[in-house]
């Protein structure tokens, strides 16, 4: 076989691989951008809009898988992992704030490492949402959100495998633990303050009731 023919065959393969890579890069950026917008919408309580955007992100993730199916070496690139992680984060965040069950990685069409890291990163957004609920005085909802964060962490901490297999999950899990402990401390303080406020209000009400007869007699 002549060298020029060999070169043509190589160029054909590399051209196809490069086209698939270019398409995947564009799709990955679309997924990341859409998921960020979806999270912002969910924080504002626009859950229907958030779901609509995530349907578009899911379609982009699927198209990326199809484009890269013939090129597994490209599929393993970091940007694929990152966009799948962002997609999982947005899906998980919306599921928790909407009080829905978390979907499995197969349902999302993402790899296990991206799924696990995405769950961990969702905890950061859940902290922000928890603080919002605390500021609004909805401490019972804040407690429920903290419990959901705990469940995610307790699952992640069981994945004791080398980072090469989990996409750096150990660091994500460590960060998740720190976020949860900080949130737990702030929520505990808020709950104690609420208990104190309730006690004071109750005591004042009792004093008013017991003082009322004396005041009436003095006035007479």
Protein backbone atom coordinates (compact mmCIF):
# COMPACT_ATOMS: atom_id res chain seq x y z
CA UNK A 1 0.00 0.00 0.00
CA UNK A 2 1.42 3.37 -0.99
CA UNK A 3 2.18 6.01 1.61
CA UNK A 4 -0.29 8.47 0.09
CA UNK A 5 -3.11 5.93 0.39
CA UNK A 6 -2.18 5.28 4.01
CA UNK A 7 -2.22 9.03 4.65
CA UNK A 8 -5.66 9.37 3.06
CA UNK A 9 -7.07 6.63 5.28
CA UNK A 10 -5.59 8.24 8.38
CA UNK A 11 -6.89 11.67 7.41
CA UNK A 12 -10.38 10.29 6.84
CA UNK A 13 -10.48 8.79 10.32
CA UNK A 14 -9.00 11.86 11.98
CA UNK A 15 -11.36 14.17 10.09
CA UNK A 16 -14.36 12.18 11.32
CA UNK A 17 -12.99 12.13 14.85
CA UNK A 18 -12.35 15.86 14.78
CA UNK A 19 -15.86 16.62 13.49
CA UNK A 20 -17.34 14.53 16.29
CA UNK A 21 -15.14 16.28 18.83
CA UNK A 22 -16.13 19.73 17.59
CA UNK A 23 -19.80 18.82 17.77
CA UNK A 24 -19.37 17.41 21.28
CA UNK A 25 -17.57 20.54 22.50
CA UNK A 26 -20.43 22.73 21.26
CA UNK A 27 -23.01 20.45 22.86
CA UNK A 28 -21.11 20.33 26.15
CA UNK A 29 -21.07 24.12 26.35
CA UNK A 30 -24.79 24.17 25.62
CA UNK A 31 -25.44 21.67 28.42
CA UNK A 32 -23.37 23.59 30.97
CA UNK A 33 -25.02 26.92 30.07
CA UNK A 34 -28.54 25.46 30.11
CA UNK A 35 -28.03 23.69 33.43
CA UNK A 36 -26.74 26.88 35.06
CA UNK A 37 -29.84 28.75 33.87
CA UNK A 38 -32.06 25.91 35.08
CA UNK A 39 -30.56 26.08 38.58
CA UNK A 40 -31.14 29.84 38.71
CA UNK A 41 -34.75 29.33 37.66
CA UNK A 42 -35.25 26.66 40.32
CA UNK A 43 -33.86 28.98 42.99
CA UNK A 44 -36.47 31.56 41.92
CA UNK A 45 -39.22 28.98 42.21
CA UNK A 46 -39.71 28.73 38.43
CA UNK A 47 -39.75 24.93 38.44
CA UNK A 48 -41.67 24.51 35.19
CA UNK A 49 -39.17 26.70 33.35
CA UNK A 50 -36.30 24.82 34.97
CA UNK A 51 -37.73 21.48 33.83
CA UNK A 52 -38.19 22.76 30.28
CA UNK A 53 -34.56 23.84 30.10
CA UNK A 54 -33.38 20.50 31.47
CA UNK A 55 -35.31 18.70 28.75
CA UNK A 56 -33.17 20.61 26.26
CA UNK A 57 -30.02 19.72 28.18
CA UNK A 58 -31.03 16.05 28.22
CA UNK A 59 -31.44 16.14 24.44
CA UNK A 60 -27.97 17.66 24.05
CA UNK A 61 -26.45 14.97 26.29
CA UNK A 62 -28.07 12.28 24.14
CA UNK A 63 -26.83 13.87 20.92
CA UNK A 64 -23.33 13.98 22.34
CA UNK A 65 -23.45 10.26 23.10
CA UNK A 66 -24.55 9.50 19.54
CA UNK A 67 -21.86 11.72 18.02
CA UNK A 68 -19.09 10.16 20.10
CA UNK A 69 -20.27 6.54 20.03
CA UNK A 70 -17.75 5.59 17.29
CA UNK A 71 -14.95 7.40 19.16
CA UNK A 72 -14.71 6.13 22.77
CA UNK A 73 -11.31 7.79 23.21
CA UNK A 74 -12.95 11.19 22.64
CA UNK A 75 -15.94 10.29 24.83
CA UNK A 76 -13.55 9.89 27.75
CA UNK A 77 -12.44 13.51 27.43
CA UNK A 78 -12.76 15.75 30.45
CA UNK A 79 -15.35 18.08 28.96
CA UNK A 80 -17.77 15.18 28.51
CA UNK A 81 -17.43 14.28 32.18
CA UNK A 82 -17.84 17.91 33.20
CA UNK A 83 -21.02 18.54 31.24
CA UNK A 84 -22.57 15.27 32.47
CA UNK A 85 -21.66 16.31 36.01
CA UNK A 86 -23.33 19.71 35.54
CA UNK A 87 -26.41 18.01 34.10
CA UNK A 88 -26.65 15.67 37.09
CA UNK A 89 -26.20 18.57 39.50
CA UNK A 90 -29.08 20.52 37.95
CA UNK A 91 -31.35 17.48 37.79
CA UNK A 92 -30.60 16.48 41.39
CA UNK A 93 -31.10 20.01 42.72
CA UNK A 94 -34.47 20.40 41.02
CA UNK A 95 -35.57 16.95 42.19
CA UNK A 96 -34.79 17.71 45.83
CA UNK A 97 -36.35 21.20 45.93
CA UNK A 98 -39.42 19.78 44.16
CA UNK A 99 -39.57 16.93 46.70
CA UNK A 100 -39.19 14.29 44.00
CA UNK A 101 -37.04 11.16 43.89
CA UNK A 102 -33.55 11.30 42.42
CA UNK A 103 -33.26 9.67 38.98
CA UNK A 104 -30.69 6.93 38.36
CA UNK A 105 -27.64 7.60 36.17
CA UNK A 106 -29.08 5.33 33.48
CA UNK A 107 -32.19 7.51 33.36
CA UNK A 108 -30.01 10.55 32.68
CA UNK A 109 -27.65 8.88 30.23
CA UNK A 110 -24.54 9.83 32.22
CA UNK A 111 -21.54 7.86 33.44
CA UNK A 112 -21.28 6.82 37.09
CA UNK A 113 -18.34 9.13 38.02
CA UNK A 114 -20.12 12.16 36.55
CA UNK A 115 -23.32 11.19 38.36
CA UNK A 116 -21.62 10.86 41.74
CA UNK A 117 -19.72 14.12 41.44
CA UNK A 118 -22.85 15.87 40.19
CA UNK A 119 -24.75 14.77 43.29
CA UNK A 120 -21.95 16.11 45.46
CA UNK A 121 -21.96 19.48 43.73
CA UNK A 122 -25.75 19.69 44.06
CA UNK A 123 -25.22 19.93 47.81
CA UNK A 124 -23.69 23.38 47.34
CA UNK A 125 -26.83 24.61 45.59
CA UNK A 126 -28.98 22.94 48.24
CA UNK A 127 -27.10 24.87 50.93
CA UNK A 128 -27.94 28.12 49.17
CA UNK A 129 -31.60 27.08 48.94
CA UNK A 130 -31.58 26.05 52.60
CA UNK A 131 -30.28 29.45 53.65
CA UNK A 132 -33.01 31.10 51.59
CA UNK A 133 -35.65 29.06 53.43
CA UNK A 134 -34.07 29.96 56.76
CA UNK A 135 -34.21 33.66 55.92
CA UNK A 136 -37.88 33.22 55.08
CA UNK A 137 -38.46 31.60 58.48
CA UNK A 138 -39.32 28.16 57.06
CA UNK A 139 -37.07 26.19 59.38
CA UNK A 140 -38.96 22.91 58.98
CA UNK A 141 -38.29 22.97 55.23
CA UNK A 142 -34.68 23.89 55.91
CA UNK A 143 -34.37 20.80 58.14
CA UNK A 144 -35.81 18.62 55.36
CA UNK A 145 -33.29 20.01 52.89
CA UNK A 146 -30.44 19.35 55.30
CA UNK A 147 -31.63 15.75 55.65
CA UNK A 148 -31.55 15.39 51.87
CA UNK A 149 -28.00 16.77 51.83
CA UNK A 150 -27.05 14.23 54.51
CA UNK A 151 -28.48 11.36 52.46
CA UNK A 152 -26.39 12.35 49.47
CA UNK A 153 -23.23 12.60 51.57
CA UNK A 154 -23.80 9.25 53.28
CA UNK A 155 -24.11 7.61 49.88
CA UNK A 156 -21.01 9.31 48.47
CA UNK A 157 -18.82 8.41 51.42
CA UNK A 158 -19.43 4.71 50.74
CA UNK A 159 -17.78 5.04 47.31
CA UNK A 160 -14.28 4.33 48.58
CA UNK A 161 -12.48 3.78 45.29
CA UNK A 162 -9.42 5.33 43.63
CA UNK A 163 -9.99 8.77 42.11
CA UNK A 164 -9.08 7.37 38.71
CA UNK A 165 -12.31 5.34 38.85
CA UNK A 166 -14.54 7.99 40.37
CA UNK A 167 -13.39 11.18 38.65
CA UNK A 168 -11.92 12.76 41.78
CA UNK A 169 -14.90 11.95 43.99
CA UNK A 170 -12.85 11.96 47.20
CA UNK A 171 -12.31 15.72 47.02
CA UNK A 172 -15.96 16.33 46.10
CA UNK A 173 -17.04 14.27 49.11
CA UNK A 174 -14.72 16.21 51.44
CA UNK A 175 -16.11 19.52 50.19
CA UNK A 176 -19.65 18.17 50.58
CA UNK A 177 -19.00 17.26 54.20
CA UNK A 178 -17.73 20.76 54.96
CA UNK A 179 -20.77 22.37 53.34
CA UNK A 180 -23.17 20.19 55.31
CA UNK A 181 -21.47 20.77 58.66
CA UNK A 182 -21.46 24.53 58.13
CA UNK A 183 -25.13 24.47 57.17
CA UNK A 184 -25.97 22.25 60.15
CA UNK A 185 -24.33 24.71 62.52
CA UNK A 186 -26.21 27.67 61.07
CA UNK A 187 -29.53 25.83 61.12
CA UNK A 188 -28.97 24.69 64.72
CA UNK A 189 -28.37 28.30 65.75
CA UNK A 190 -31.51 29.43 63.94
CA UNK A 191 -33.60 26.69 65.59
CA UNK A 192 -32.34 27.64 69.05
CA UNK A 193 -33.10 31.29 68.40
CA UNK A 194 -36.60 30.35 67.29
CA UNK A 195 -37.10 28.24 70.42
CA UNK A 196 -35.92 31.17 72.57
CA UNK A 197 -38.21 33.57 70.75
CA UNK A 198 -41.17 31.21 71.23
CA UNK A 199 -40.37 30.84 74.94
CA UNK A 200 -40.17 34.62 75.42
CA UNK A 201 -43.44 35.21 73.55
CA UNK A 202 -45.15 32.53 75.65
CA UNK A 203 -43.77 33.99 78.91
CA UNK A 204 -44.94 37.49 77.97
CA UNK A 205 -48.40 36.16 77.16
CA UNK A 206 -48.58 34.48 80.57
CA UNK A 207 -47.49 37.69 82.32
CA UNK A 208 -50.13 39.68 80.47
CA UNK A 209 -52.85 37.23 81.50
CA UNK A 210 -51.82 37.22 85.15
CA UNK A 211 -51.36 41.00 85.30
CA UNK A 212 -54.68 41.80 83.66
CA UNK A 213 -56.94 41.30 86.78
CA UNK A 214 -54.72 43.54 88.92
CA UNK A 215 -54.76 46.24 86.32
CA UNK A 216 -58.56 46.06 86.12
CA UNK A 217 -58.95 46.30 89.93
CA UNK A 218 -56.59 49.29 90.14
CA UNK A 219 -58.55 51.05 87.46
CA UNK A 220 -61.78 50.46 89.35
